């Protein structure tokens, strides 16, 4: 699966890393890692995410810090050119 990113999404991603790092040292890196892990799961299991329209799906960003679940207040919205359903 090829992934293409909107220019605005790239800017928002980098701004978010900076913001989270300012909130707590290491949180920006944690955010970045959680986004990358989510992208990898999307690549492997694109049809396992909530459908929000015909071909559009949403992946909520949830990670772990120690044993505590952390939900970042955003989601990745994606669509596939070809559905495997």
Protein backbone atom coordinates (compact mmCIF):
# COMPACT_ATOMS: atom_id res chain seq x y z
CA UNK A 1 0.00 0.00 0.00
CA UNK A 2 1.39 3.37 -1.01
CA UNK A 3 0.84 6.25 1.38
CA UNK A 4 0.51 9.83 0.15
CA UNK A 5 0.32 12.70 2.61
CA UNK A 6 -1.39 16.03 2.14
CA UNK A 7 1.00 18.95 2.53
CA UNK A 8 -1.17 20.38 5.32
CA UNK A 9 -1.07 17.03 7.15
CA UNK A 10 2.74 17.05 7.08
CA UNK A 11 2.82 20.58 8.51
CA UNK A 12 0.32 19.68 11.23
CA UNK A 13 2.35 16.59 12.12
CA UNK A 14 5.59 18.56 12.60
CA UNK A 15 3.80 21.31 14.53
CA UNK A 16 2.24 18.68 16.80
CA UNK A 17 5.60 17.09 17.54
CA UNK A 18 6.94 20.49 18.62
CA UNK A 19 3.84 21.20 20.71
CA UNK A 20 3.94 17.88 22.58
CA UNK A 21 7.68 18.18 23.18
CA UNK A 22 7.09 21.61 24.76
CA UNK A 23 4.42 20.10 27.02
CA UNK A 24 6.66 17.31 28.29
CA UNK A 25 10.17 16.24 27.32
CA UNK A 26 9.98 13.08 25.21
CA UNK A 27 6.25 13.38 24.49
CA UNK A 28 6.90 14.73 20.97
CA UNK A 29 8.98 11.64 20.18
CA UNK A 30 6.28 9.43 21.71
CA UNK A 31 3.66 11.14 19.53
CA UNK A 32 5.79 10.66 16.41
CA UNK A 33 6.35 6.97 17.22
CA UNK A 34 2.63 6.41 17.83
CA UNK A 35 1.76 8.03 14.50
CA UNK A 36 4.28 5.84 12.69
CA UNK A 37 2.97 2.71 14.43
CA UNK A 38 -0.57 3.66 13.41
CA UNK A 39 0.51 4.18 9.80
CA UNK A 40 2.14 0.74 9.82
CA UNK A 41 -1.09 -0.83 11.14
CA UNK A 42 -3.08 1.00 8.44
CA UNK A 43 -0.72 -0.42 5.79
CA UNK A 44 -1.17 -3.95 7.13
CA UNK A 45 -4.88 -3.86 8.03
CA UNK A 46 -6.55 -0.98 6.17
CA UNK A 47 -10.05 -2.47 6.33
CA UNK A 48 -10.00 -2.92 10.10
CA UNK A 49 -10.68 0.75 10.82
CA UNK A 50 -13.98 2.53 11.24
CA UNK A 51 -15.64 3.48 7.96
CA UNK A 52 -16.81 7.09 7.94
CA UNK A 53 -17.99 7.06 4.32
CA UNK A 54 -17.77 4.81 1.24
CA UNK A 55 -13.97 4.49 0.98
CA UNK A 56 -12.86 6.73 3.86
CA UNK A 57 -11.75 5.28 7.19
CA UNK A 58 -10.45 6.72 10.47
CA UNK A 59 -7.72 5.50 12.82
CA UNK A 60 -7.70 6.99 16.34
CA UNK A 61 -4.23 7.59 17.79
CA UNK A 62 -3.78 5.76 21.09
CA UNK A 63 -0.43 4.91 22.61
CA UNK A 64 1.05 3.71 25.87
CA UNK A 65 3.32 5.49 28.31
CA UNK A 66 4.37 2.82 30.75
CA UNK A 67 1.13 1.01 31.53
CA UNK A 68 -1.03 4.10 31.00
CA UNK A 69 -3.03 4.44 27.79
CA UNK A 70 -2.68 7.87 26.17
CA UNK A 71 -5.11 9.07 23.51
CA UNK A 72 -3.79 11.92 21.43
CA UNK A 73 -6.68 14.18 20.38
CA UNK A 74 -6.55 13.37 16.68
CA UNK A 75 -7.07 10.66 14.15
CA UNK A 76 -5.62 9.65 10.81
CA UNK A 77 -8.19 9.78 8.03
CA UNK A 78 -7.40 7.75 4.95
CA UNK A 79 -8.89 6.19 1.86
CA UNK A 80 -7.74 3.41 -0.36
CA UNK A 81 -7.84 3.31 -4.12
CA UNK A 82 -8.70 -0.37 -4.04
CA UNK A 83 -10.77 -2.05 -1.32
CA UNK A 84 -9.91 -5.58 -0.16
CA UNK A 85 -13.40 -6.19 1.28
